[in-house]
Amino acid sequence: MISHILQSVDIFVILTFLITLLVAYILWNNVTRTPINIPGPTPWPIVGNLPTLVASSFQNKSSQNRSDRFLELREKYGDLVGLSFGNFTQVLVFGYDKVHKVLVLNADKTKFRPSNAAVAKKLFPKEAGVVLSNGQEWVDLRRFTMVALKDFGVGKKSLEEKIQEEARFLVELLSKQNKKPFDVSKVFSKATSNIISSIIFGSRFDFNDPVFIRLLGNIDYLFKNNAGVENMIPLLTYLNPFSKVPKIIKNRIEIQDYIRSRIDDERRSFDPNNVRHFLDLYLQQEGKSNSKISENHLFLTIADLYLAGTDTTSVTLQWTMLYMIKYPDMQKKCRNQILEVIGEDRDPVGKDKDNLPYVMAILQEVQRIATIVPLAVPHLAVEDIEVDGMTIPKNAIIFPSLMSVHRDPSLWEEPDVFRPERFLQNDKFVKREGFSAFSMGPRICLGKQLAESELFLIFVSILQRFDLSKADENDDLPIDGTMTGLTQQPKNFQMCFLPRQ
């Protein structure tokens, strides 16, 4: 039947129809796409700049890092680079001056998240959590979440005690390694996840709990993989047999299903007059018709907090260990200051920061040079934005490069050199303009204070009790990270924790 129809149709007519269809699409695409005066590679029909990025990855096989490939575009086109994928316009923003102008000076135009990306639409068809919500919903969610975090101990002694407790569990685990080479990439995520778990669920997991290990695997996959251009050209999800999108969605849903199961469990002991943790907040909001925040908004925010509160601080701790074993003299100087101020017999507390300037400088410099999140979570331009004679068009998706801010030679002398002293002045710790580990502008990470407390207390607790060393004296310990997803991970390494006598 089909062959008979094909035989009856002139092949020239078919080709003419297909060519006409393609030309019509290209013309329509060119008409609907907003023209921009920002330099960038010439887009191909339909697929835009996808071939450019693919060719770049093949030309430089030593760097599969998306952030590095974007930095290569900067070298060719400047601090603002325009890209297109399908009907999406992307603008890459580099250097402190441009990123500050876009995210801070034009904050009212860029404090929004793109909500029309393919994966986001599948996961959040109607509402999103605090990370991807917009407008008044985001304002209400962010205010609600920050108040709740404060109520549950962030910045207070109560949370500090939970971090101290988790640090003790971590130190105990490290002691059991009996000085043998050890990979820290998994263990730190257990500690940081337990701290956010205590805020959300009111309890911690045993390190060997299989449910806990499964959840950490889900989170690890989400941070190490991204949808990439499939977000912009959804058709690629179906054409690419190796697409990660289905598994990304599956892992996120598994985490949300677990949170729902915990909420169901909490209903049995819920007391509206005694709100103990975030799940109780959800139950308190449940069924309220006059609430500014819907149940689903709050539920998705809980999932956002659990994800964000687990990975980034864990990865930062990994980088910190790497730099300490790579620079043993700095490690020794750090430890000496800790022992002089705190000693060996008490746990560190937040107030110790003021008396440990070199420790603080080390932690800041690790976050600067490693830049755990090289590309900030994307922003959306809600109207045209003028930046130094160029126009970021309305609806463009903006990718600010935090790595380029942290390596900006106009701010940092010899930016590629690990130099903690840049955060010291007259032997006192000083904050530096341009330090953007938590991004900048209104969308700065709302977990900043919690992350800083965890990083400080866990790092100091480890140095109090261990000498850190390479597993192999001949190991060069490369410090070029790998950004396979959202965070830049150090390359696999092992180290030894030698209990101090």
Protein backbone atom coordinates (compact mmCIF):
# COMPACT_ATOMS: atom_id res chain seq x y z
CA MET A 1 0.00 0.00 0.00
CA ILE A 2 2.71 2.47 1.09
CA SER A 3 4.99 1.47 -1.79
CA HIS A 4 2.10 1.99 -4.23
CA ILE A 5 1.50 5.51 -2.88
CA LEU A 6 5.20 6.36 -3.08
CA GLN A 7 5.36 5.13 -6.66
CA SER A 8 2.43 7.34 -7.59
CA VAL A 9 4.03 10.50 -6.17
CA ASP A 10 6.76 12.22 -8.12
CA ILE A 11 9.99 12.18 -6.07
CA PHE A 12 10.63 15.75 -7.25
CA VAL A 13 7.39 16.86 -5.62
CA ILE A 14 8.40 15.24 -2.32
CA LEU A 15 11.82 16.90 -2.33
CA THR A 16 10.30 20.25 -3.24
CA PHE A 17 7.84 19.95 -0.36
CA LEU A 18 10.57 19.06 2.14
CA ILE A 19 12.88 21.85 1.00
CA THR A 20 10.00 24.36 1.12
CA LEU A 21 9.15 23.19 4.65
CA LEU A 22 12.77 23.58 5.77
CA VAL A 23 13.10 27.05 4.21
CA ALA A 24 9.80 28.11 5.79
CA TYR A 25 11.02 26.93 9.20
CA ILE A 26 14.33 28.77 8.84
CA LEU A 27 12.55 31.98 7.79
CA TRP A 28 10.06 31.65 10.65
CA ASN A 29 12.87 30.95 13.09
CA ASN A 30 14.80 34.01 11.93
CA VAL A 31 11.71 36.21 12.16
CA THR A 32 10.67 35.03 15.64
CA ARG A 33 14.16 35.00 17.14
CA THR A 34 15.09 38.36 18.62
CA PRO A 35 18.11 39.81 16.82
CA ILE A 36 20.96 40.73 19.18
CA ASN A 37 24.01 42.94 18.87
CA ILE A 38 26.11 40.73 21.14
CA PRO A 39 29.02 38.98 19.43
CA GLY A 40 29.04 35.20 19.18
CA PRO A 41 29.42 32.30 16.77
CA THR A 42 27.08 32.23 13.77
CA PRO A 43 24.14 29.90 14.49
CA TRP A 44 23.18 27.06 12.18
CA PRO A 45 19.60 26.69 10.94
CA ILE A 46 17.28 24.96 13.41
CA VAL A 47 19.98 23.68 15.81
CA GLY A 48 21.61 27.08 16.39
CA ASN A 49 25.05 26.91 18.01
CA LEU A 50 24.88 23.25 18.99
CA PRO A 51 27.47 22.24 16.31
CA THR A 52 29.82 24.95 17.65
CA LEU A 53 29.85 23.47 21.15
CA VAL A 54 30.10 19.90 19.85
CA ALA A 55 33.07 20.83 17.65
CA SER A 56 34.71 22.60 20.59
CA SER A 57 34.45 19.51 22.78
CA PHE A 58 36.00 17.33 20.05
CA GLN A 59 38.82 19.80 19.38
CA ASN A 60 39.74 19.91 23.06
CA LYS A 61 39.17 16.39 24.34
CA SER A 62 41.32 17.11 27.38
CA SER A 63 38.58 19.42 28.65
CA GLN A 64 35.03 18.16 28.67
CA ASN A 65 34.24 20.95 31.11
CA ARG A 66 31.29 23.04 29.91
CA SER A 67 32.52 26.05 31.89
CA ASP A 68 35.95 25.81 30.23
CA ARG A 69 34.37 25.63 26.76
CA PHE A 70 32.40 28.78 27.55
CA LEU A 71 35.63 30.49 28.66
CA GLU A 72 37.11 29.61 25.25
CA LEU A 73 34.22 31.50 23.65
CA ARG A 74 35.04 34.47 25.87
CA GLU A 75 38.59 34.59 24.52
CA LYS A 76 37.21 34.88 21.00
CA TYR A 77 34.14 37.09 21.47
CA GLY A 78 34.53 39.05 24.72
CA ASP A 79 32.76 39.35 28.06
CA LEU A 80 29.25 39.03 26.57
CA VAL A 81 28.67 36.14 24.18
CA GLY A 82 25.40 35.44 22.37
CA LEU A 83 24.29 31.87 21.56
CA SER A 84 21.12 30.36 20.19
CA PHE A 85 19.53 26.92 20.45
CA GLY A 86 16.27 26.47 18.59
CA ASN A 87 14.16 29.48 19.57
CA PHE A 88 16.16 30.12 22.75
CA THR A 89 18.67 32.94 23.01
CA GLN A 90 21.43 32.52 25.57
CA VAL A 91 23.87 35.15 26.77
CA LEU A 92 27.07 34.17 28.57
CA VAL A 93 28.37 36.84 30.95
CA PHE A 94 32.04 36.96 32.03
CA GLY A 95 34.20 39.01 34.41
CA TYR A 96 33.30 40.87 37.58
CA ASP A 97 32.33 44.12 35.84
CA LYS A 98 29.78 42.55 33.48
CA VAL A 99 28.39 39.99 35.95
CA HIS A 100 27.93 42.72 38.57
CA LYS A 101 26.18 44.98 36.08
CA VAL A 102 23.83 42.19 34.99
CA LEU A 103 22.98 40.61 38.37
CA VAL A 104 23.27 43.57 40.74
CA LEU A 105 22.82 46.85 38.85
CA ASN A 106 20.05 45.32 36.71
CA ALA A 107 18.70 43.08 39.47
CA ASP A 108 15.04 43.97 38.85
CA LYS A 109 15.37 42.74 35.26
CA THR A 110 17.38 39.59 35.97
CA LYS A 111 16.11 38.21 39.31
CA PHE A 112 14.01 35.66 37.45
CA ARG A 113 14.57 32.05 36.44
CA PRO A 114 13.78 30.57 33.01
CA SER A 115 10.72 28.36 33.41
CA ASN A 116 10.30 27.20 29.81
CA ALA A 117 13.26 24.82 29.68
CA ALA A 118 12.12 21.31 28.77
CA VAL A 119 13.19 19.50 31.95
CA ALA A 120 11.86 22.25 34.22
CA LYS A 121 8.49 22.11 32.45
CA LYS A 122 8.29 18.36 32.99
CA LEU A 123 9.25 18.53 36.66
CA PHE A 124 7.35 21.71 37.53
CA PRO A 125 4.41 22.07 35.10
CA LYS A 126 2.55 24.55 37.34
CA GLU A 127 4.59 25.53 40.38
CA ALA A 128 8.23 25.41 41.45
CA GLY A 129 10.22 25.60 44.65
CA VAL A 130 12.34 28.50 45.87
CA VAL A 131 15.15 27.84 43.36
CA LEU A 132 13.07 28.16 40.15
CA SER A 133 10.02 30.17 41.24
CA ASN A 134 9.50 33.76 40.08
CA GLY A 135 7.69 36.98 40.89
CA GLN A 136 5.71 37.40 44.10
CA GLU A 137 5.66 33.65 44.60
CA TRP A 138 9.46 33.66 44.83
CA VAL A 139 9.48 36.70 47.15
CA ASP A 140 7.02 35.02 49.53
CA LEU A 141 8.83 31.66 49.37
CA ARG A 142 12.27 33.13 49.96
CA ARG A 143 11.09 35.25 52.91
CA PHE A 144 9.22 32.28 54.40
CA THR A 145 12.23 29.96 53.94
CA MET A 146 14.76 32.37 55.44
CA VAL A 147 12.58 32.95 58.51
CA ALA A 148 12.07 29.21 58.86
CA LEU A 149 15.80 28.47 58.58
CA LYS A 150 16.45 31.04 61.29
CA ASP A 151 13.71 29.55 63.49
CA PHE A 152 15.25 26.10 63.06
CA GLY A 153 18.63 27.28 64.24
CA VAL A 154 20.61 28.79 61.36
CA GLY A 155 22.93 31.31 63.00
CA LYS A 156 22.03 30.00 66.45
CA LYS A 157 23.67 27.74 68.98
CA SER A 158 21.06 25.01 68.46
CA LEU A 159 22.14 24.35 64.87
CA GLU A 160 25.79 24.77 65.77
CA GLU A 161 25.38 21.88 68.21
CA LYS A 162 23.92 19.72 65.42
CA ILE A 163 26.90 20.50 63.18
CA GLN A 164 29.27 19.71 66.05
CA GLU A 165 27.49 16.40 66.61
CA GLU A 166 27.77 15.50 62.93
CA ALA A 167 31.43 16.49 62.90
CA ARG A 168 32.02 14.06 65.79
CA PHE A 169 30.37 11.22 63.83
CA LEU A 170 32.54 12.13 60.84
CA VAL A 171 35.75 12.22 62.89
CA GLU A 172 34.88 8.83 64.37
CA LEU A 173 34.40 7.38 60.89
CA LEU A 174 37.71 8.83 59.68
CA SER A 175 39.48 7.41 62.74
CA LYS A 176 38.29 3.93 61.80
CA GLN A 177 40.20 4.08 58.51
CA ASN A 178 43.35 3.19 60.51
CA LYS A 179 45.58 5.55 58.52
CA LYS A 180 44.75 3.70 55.29
CA PRO A 181 44.22 5.59 51.99
CA PHE A 182 40.67 6.83 51.84
CA ASP A 183 38.37 8.47 49.25
CA VAL A 184 36.44 11.28 50.96
CA SER A 185 34.06 11.94 48.06
CA LYS A 186 31.23 9.91 49.61
CA VAL A 187 31.67 10.49 53.32
CA PHE A 188 31.41 14.29 53.34
CA SER A 189 28.04 14.17 51.58
CA LYS A 190 26.76 11.97 54.42
CA ALA A 191 27.70 14.59 57.00
CA THR A 192 26.32 17.60 55.11
CA SER A 193 23.14 15.74 54.17
CA ASN A 194 22.55 14.81 57.81
CA ILE A 195 22.78 18.45 58.86
CA ILE A 196 20.12 19.56 56.39
CA SER A 197 18.14 16.42 57.31
CA SER A 198 18.02 17.58 60.92
CA ILE A 199 16.46 20.86 59.76
CA ILE A 200 13.99 19.27 57.35
CA PHE A 201 13.15 15.96 59.05
CA GLY A 202 14.20 16.64 62.64
CA SER A 203 16.57 13.65 62.65
CA ARG A 204 19.74 12.29 61.08
CA PHE A 205 20.45 9.07 59.19
CA ASP A 206 22.87 6.36 60.16
CA PHE A 207 25.78 6.55 57.71
CA ASN A 208 25.08 2.98 56.56
CA ASP A 209 21.31 3.33 56.18
CA PRO A 210 20.47 1.90 52.70
CA VAL A 211 17.67 4.45 52.18
CA PHE A 212 20.12 7.24 52.99
CA ILE A 213 22.72 5.84 50.58
CA ARG A 214 20.07 5.61 47.86
CA LEU A 215 19.05 9.25 48.40
CA LEU A 216 22.66 10.38 48.27
CA GLY A 217 23.04 8.48 44.99
CA ASN A 218 20.02 10.33 43.60
CA ILE A 219 21.47 13.69 44.64
CA ASP A 220 24.91 12.83 43.29
CA TYR A 221 23.44 11.96 39.89
CA LEU A 222 21.47 15.22 39.72
CA PHE A 223 24.52 17.37 40.48
CA LYS A 224 26.86 15.47 38.17
CA ASN A 225 24.56 15.43 35.16
CA ASN A 226 22.57 18.08 33.33
CA ALA A 227 20.16 18.20 30.44
CA GLY A 228 22.36 20.64 28.50
CA VAL A 229 21.00 21.66 25.10
CA GLU A 230 18.18 19.11 25.41
CA ASN A 231 16.59 21.73 27.67
CA MET A 232 16.56 24.08 24.66
CA ILE A 233 15.93 21.57 21.89
CA PRO A 234 13.59 18.97 23.45
CA LEU A 235 13.56 16.88 20.27
CA LEU A 236 17.12 15.81 21.08
CA THR A 237 15.81 13.96 24.15
CA TYR A 238 14.01 11.55 21.83
CA LEU A 239 16.72 11.39 19.17
CA ASN A 240 19.57 10.78 21.62
CA PRO A 241 19.52 7.17 22.87
CA PHE A 242 21.99 8.18 25.62
CA SER A 243 19.91 11.10 26.88
CA LYS A 244 20.22 11.67 30.63
CA VAL A 245 16.94 13.56 30.86
CA PRO A 246 14.72 10.57 31.79
CA LYS A 247 17.08 9.55 34.60
CA ILE A 248 17.39 13.16 35.82
CA ILE A 249 13.62 13.33 36.13
CA LYS A 250 13.46 9.88 37.73
CA ASN A 251 16.06 10.78 40.39
CA ARG A 252 14.35 14.05 41.30
CA ILE A 253 10.97 12.31 41.58
CA GLU A 254 12.47 9.59 43.81
CA ILE A 255 13.69 12.25 46.24
CA GLN A 256 10.29 13.95 46.23
CA ASP A 257 8.54 10.62 46.79
CA TYR A 258 10.74 9.98 49.82
CA ILE A 259 9.91 13.42 51.26
CA ARG A 260 6.19 12.72 50.76
CA SER A 261 6.55 9.42 52.61
CA ARG A 262 8.23 11.23 55.52
CA ILE A 263 5.43 13.82 55.57
CA ASP A 264 2.87 11.00 55.80
CA ASP A 265 4.83 9.50 58.70
CA GLU A 266 4.98 12.85 60.50
CA ARG A 267 1.21 13.27 60.42
CA ARG A 268 0.93 10.77 63.26
CA SER A 269 2.90 12.93 65.69
CA PHE A 270 2.15 16.38 64.29
CA ASP A 271 1.24 19.05 66.85
CA PRO A 272 0.35 22.44 65.31
CA ASN A 273 1.45 24.12 68.55
CA ASN A 274 4.91 22.53 68.45
CA VAL A 275 6.52 22.98 65.03
CA ARG A 276 9.80 21.06 65.16
CA HIS A 277 11.12 21.03 61.57
CA PHE A 278 10.30 21.84 57.95
CA LEU A 279 7.93 18.89 57.51
CA ASP A 280 5.84 20.25 60.38
CA LEU A 281 5.74 23.61 58.57
CA TYR A 282 4.32 21.82 55.55
CA LEU A 283 1.66 20.10 57.68
CA GLN A 284 0.84 23.42 59.31
CA GLN A 285 0.21 24.97 55.89
CA GLU A 286 -1.76 21.97 54.62
CA GLY A 287 -5.33 22.84 53.81
CA LYS A 288 -4.97 26.56 54.52
CA SER A 289 -6.82 28.41 51.79
CA ASN A 290 -5.62 31.87 52.88
CA SER A 291 -1.91 31.08 52.86
CA LYS A 292 0.39 33.07 50.56
CA ILE A 293 2.34 29.87 49.93
CA SER A 294 0.69 26.82 48.42
CA GLU A 295 1.33 23.33 49.74
CA ASN A 296 3.06 22.35 46.51
CA HIS A 297 5.33 25.40 46.57
CA LEU A 298 6.44 24.54 50.07
CA PHE A 299 6.85 20.86 49.26
CA LEU A 300 9.07 21.62 46.26
CA THR A 301 11.06 24.09 48.37
CA ILE A 302 11.75 21.33 50.90
CA ALA A 303 13.12 19.21 48.05
CA ASP A 304 15.24 22.15 46.81
CA LEU A 305 16.74 22.66 50.27
CA TYR A 306 17.52 18.98 50.70
CA LEU A 307 19.30 18.83 47.34
CA ALA A 308 21.23 22.09 47.67
CA GLY A 309 22.10 21.48 51.30
CA THR A 310 23.83 18.18 50.54
CA ASP A 311 26.13 18.60 47.57
CA THR A 312 27.89 21.95 47.37
CA THR A 313 29.33 22.04 50.90
CA SER A 314 30.41 18.41 50.54
CA VAL A 315 32.30 19.21 47.34
CA THR A 316 33.87 22.28 48.98
CA LEU A 317 35.18 20.09 51.81
CA GLN A 318 36.70 17.72 49.23
CA TRP A 319 38.54 20.61 47.59
CA THR A 320 39.70 21.84 51.00
CA MET A 321 41.21 18.44 51.81
CA LEU A 322 42.91 18.37 48.42
CA TYR A 323 44.59 21.74 48.95
CA MET A 324 45.63 20.86 52.49
CA ILE A 325 47.48 17.71 51.41
CA LYS A 326 48.92 19.49 48.39
CA TYR A 327 50.26 22.32 50.57
CA PRO A 328 51.31 20.70 53.87
CA ASP A 329 53.02 23.90 55.14
CA MET A 330 49.71 25.75 54.89
CA GLN A 331 47.99 22.84 56.62
CA LYS A 332 50.49 23.05 59.46
CA LYS A 333 50.03 26.81 59.80
CA CYS A 334 46.26 26.31 59.91
CA ARG A 335 46.49 23.63 62.57
CA ASN A 336 48.86 25.60 64.74
CA GLN A 337 46.43 28.51 64.77
CA ILE A 338 43.55 26.17 65.64
CA LEU A 339 45.44 24.53 68.50
CA GLU A 340 46.57 27.89 69.83
CA VAL A 341 43.06 29.35 69.88
CA ILE A 342 40.85 26.31 70.56
CA GLY A 343 43.17 23.59 71.76
CA GLU A 344 42.37 19.88 71.48
CA ASP A 345 39.72 19.41 74.14
CA ARG A 346 36.74 21.48 73.03
CA ASP A 347 34.68 21.63 69.88
CA PRO A 348 35.04 24.70 67.65
CA VAL A 349 32.20 27.25 67.75
CA GLY A 350 31.15 29.93 65.31
CA LYS A 351 32.68 32.72 67.41
CA ASP A 352 36.11 31.19 66.86
CA LYS A 353 36.08 32.56 63.33
CA ASP A 354 37.14 35.96 64.63
CA ASN A 355 40.31 34.50 66.14
CA LEU A 356 41.25 32.19 63.25
CA PRO A 357 42.04 34.58 60.39
CA TYR A 358 44.37 32.22 58.53
CA VAL A 359 41.82 29.39 58.69
CA MET A 360 39.17 31.73 57.28
CA ALA A 361 41.56 32.88 54.55
CA ILE A 362 42.24 29.26 53.57
CA LEU A 363 38.53 28.49 53.30
CA GLN A 364 37.83 31.62 51.23
CA GLU A 365 40.74 30.96 48.89
CA VAL A 366 39.66 27.35 48.30
CA GLN A 367 36.16 28.54 47.39
CA ARG A 368 37.59 31.22 45.11
CA ILE A 369 40.11 29.17 43.17
CA ALA A 370 38.01 25.99 42.93
CA THR A 371 34.69 27.82 42.30
CA ILE A 372 32.46 24.88 43.16
CA VAL A 373 29.62 26.29 40.99
CA PRO A 374 31.45 27.75 37.94
CA LEU A 375 28.20 28.79 36.21
CA ALA A 376 25.48 30.36 38.32
CA VAL A 377 21.97 28.93 38.09
CA PRO A 378 20.61 30.60 34.92
CA HIS A 379 18.69 33.87 35.07
CA LEU A 380 16.05 35.24 32.71
CA ALA A 381 15.94 38.75 31.24
CA VAL A 382 12.36 39.99 31.68
CA GLU A 383 13.08 43.03 29.50
CA ASP A 384 15.88 44.36 27.33
CA ILE A 385 19.05 45.14 29.30
CA GLU A 386 21.64 47.63 28.08
CA VAL A 387 25.21 46.72 29.06
CA ASP A 388 28.04 48.84 27.71
CA GLY A 389 26.41 49.47 24.34
CA MET A 390 25.10 45.93 23.90
CA THR A 391 21.57 44.68 24.49
CA ILE A 392 20.66 41.48 26.28
CA PRO A 393 17.22 40.92 24.73
CA LYS A 394 14.04 40.22 26.63
CA ASN A 395 13.53 36.48 27.34
CA ALA A 396 17.23 35.70 26.91
CA ILE A 397 18.57 33.05 29.27
CA ILE A 398 21.60 34.44 31.11
CA PHE A 399 24.53 32.29 32.24
CA PRO A 400 26.83 34.29 34.57
CA SER A 401 30.31 32.77 34.84
CA LEU A 402 31.32 32.86 38.51
CA MET A 403 34.60 31.18 37.59
CA SER A 404 35.51 34.18 35.44
CA VAL A 405 34.76 36.50 38.38
CA HIS A 406 37.04 34.47 40.65
CA ARG A 407 39.82 34.48 38.06
CA ASP A 408 39.42 38.12 37.04
CA PRO A 409 42.93 39.69 36.97
CA SER A 410 41.44 43.13 37.61
CA LEU A 411 40.43 41.88 41.08
CA TRP A 412 42.93 39.17 41.92
CA GLU A 413 46.69 39.36 41.50
CA GLU A 414 47.90 36.12 39.90
CA PRO A 415 44.39 34.65 40.03
CA ASP A 416 45.50 31.12 39.12
CA VAL A 417 47.76 30.89 42.16
CA PHE A 418 46.51 29.49 45.47
CA ARG A 419 47.31 32.33 47.87
CA PRO A 420 45.25 32.55 51.10
CA GLU A 421 47.12 35.70 52.13
CA ARG A 422 45.04 37.69 49.66
CA PHE A 423 42.25 37.52 52.28
CA LEU A 424 44.47 38.84 55.08
CA GLN A 425 45.33 42.40 56.01
CA ASN A 426 47.47 43.16 59.07
CA ASP A 427 47.00 39.52 60.11
CA LYS A 428 43.22 39.93 60.13
CA PHE A 429 40.75 38.24 57.81
CA VAL A 430 39.14 40.59 55.28
CA LYS A 431 36.32 39.99 52.84
CA ARG A 432 37.14 40.81 49.24
CA GLU A 433 34.97 42.44 46.61
CA GLY A 434 34.29 39.93 43.88
CA PHE A 435 34.15 36.85 46.10
CA SER A 436 31.04 35.22 44.61
CA ALA A 437 31.00 31.58 45.73
CA PHE A 438 27.28 31.98 46.50
CA SER A 439 26.56 34.12 43.41
CA MET A 440 25.49 37.76 43.75
CA GLY A 441 22.38 39.91 43.57
CA PRO A 442 18.89 39.07 44.90
CA ARG A 443 19.26 35.39 43.98
CA ILE A 444 22.33 34.86 46.15
CA CYS A 445 22.18 31.42 47.77
CA LEU A 446 19.84 31.54 50.77
CA GLY A 447 21.78 28.69 52.40
CA LYS A 448 24.98 30.78 52.51
CA GLN A 449 25.11 31.17 56.29
CA LEU A 450 24.39 27.48 56.91
CA ALA A 451 27.03 26.39 54.38
CA GLU A 452 29.66 28.70 55.87
CA SER A 453 29.01 27.36 59.38
CA GLU A 454 29.22 23.73 58.23
CA LEU A 455 32.40 24.30 56.27
CA PHE A 456 34.15 26.08 59.13
CA LEU A 457 33.14 23.75 61.97
CA ILE A 458 33.79 20.51 60.06
CA PHE A 459 37.12 21.67 58.63
CA VAL A 460 38.41 22.85 62.02
CA SER A 461 37.22 19.64 63.73
CA ILE A 462 39.18 17.53 61.23
CA LEU A 463 42.40 19.55 61.52
CA GLN A 464 42.15 19.45 65.31
CA ARG A 465 42.38 15.69 65.29
CA PHE A 466 44.25 14.59 62.16
CA ASP A 467 47.38 15.18 60.19
CA LEU A 468 46.34 14.98 56.54
CA SER A 469 48.66 13.42 53.99
CA LYS A 470 48.83 12.07 50.45
CA ALA A 471 48.07 8.40 49.94
CA ASP A 472 51.09 8.29 47.61
CA GLU A 473 53.99 10.71 47.95
CA ASN A 474 54.46 10.63 44.17
CA ASP A 475 50.88 11.78 43.51
CA ASP A 476 50.92 15.21 41.84
CA LEU A 477 47.29 15.85 42.91
CA PRO A 478 45.95 17.71 39.85
CA ILE A 479 43.81 20.70 40.75
CA ASP A 480 41.94 21.08 37.46
CA GLY A 481 38.41 20.06 38.34
CA THR A 482 35.72 18.34 36.32
CA MET A 483 32.37 20.02 35.81
CA THR A 484 30.10 17.25 34.59
CA GLY A 485 26.92 18.81 35.91
CA LEU A 486 26.22 21.72 38.22
CA THR A 487 29.27 21.51 40.46
CA GLN A 488 32.97 21.35 39.74
CA GLN A 489 34.37 18.23 41.37
CA PRO A 490 38.03 17.53 42.12
CA LYS A 491 39.46 14.60 40.22
CA ASN A 492 39.41 11.37 42.22
CA PHE A 493 42.07 11.26 44.88
CA GLN A 494 42.80 9.36 48.06
CA MET A 495 44.31 10.64 51.28
CA CYS A 496 45.29 9.44 54.75
CA PHE A 497 43.93 10.70 58.06
CA LEU A 498 46.62 10.25 60.68
CA PRO A 499 45.26 10.69 64.24
CA ARG A 500 47.31 13.23 66.15
CA GLN A 501 49.02 11.83 69.26
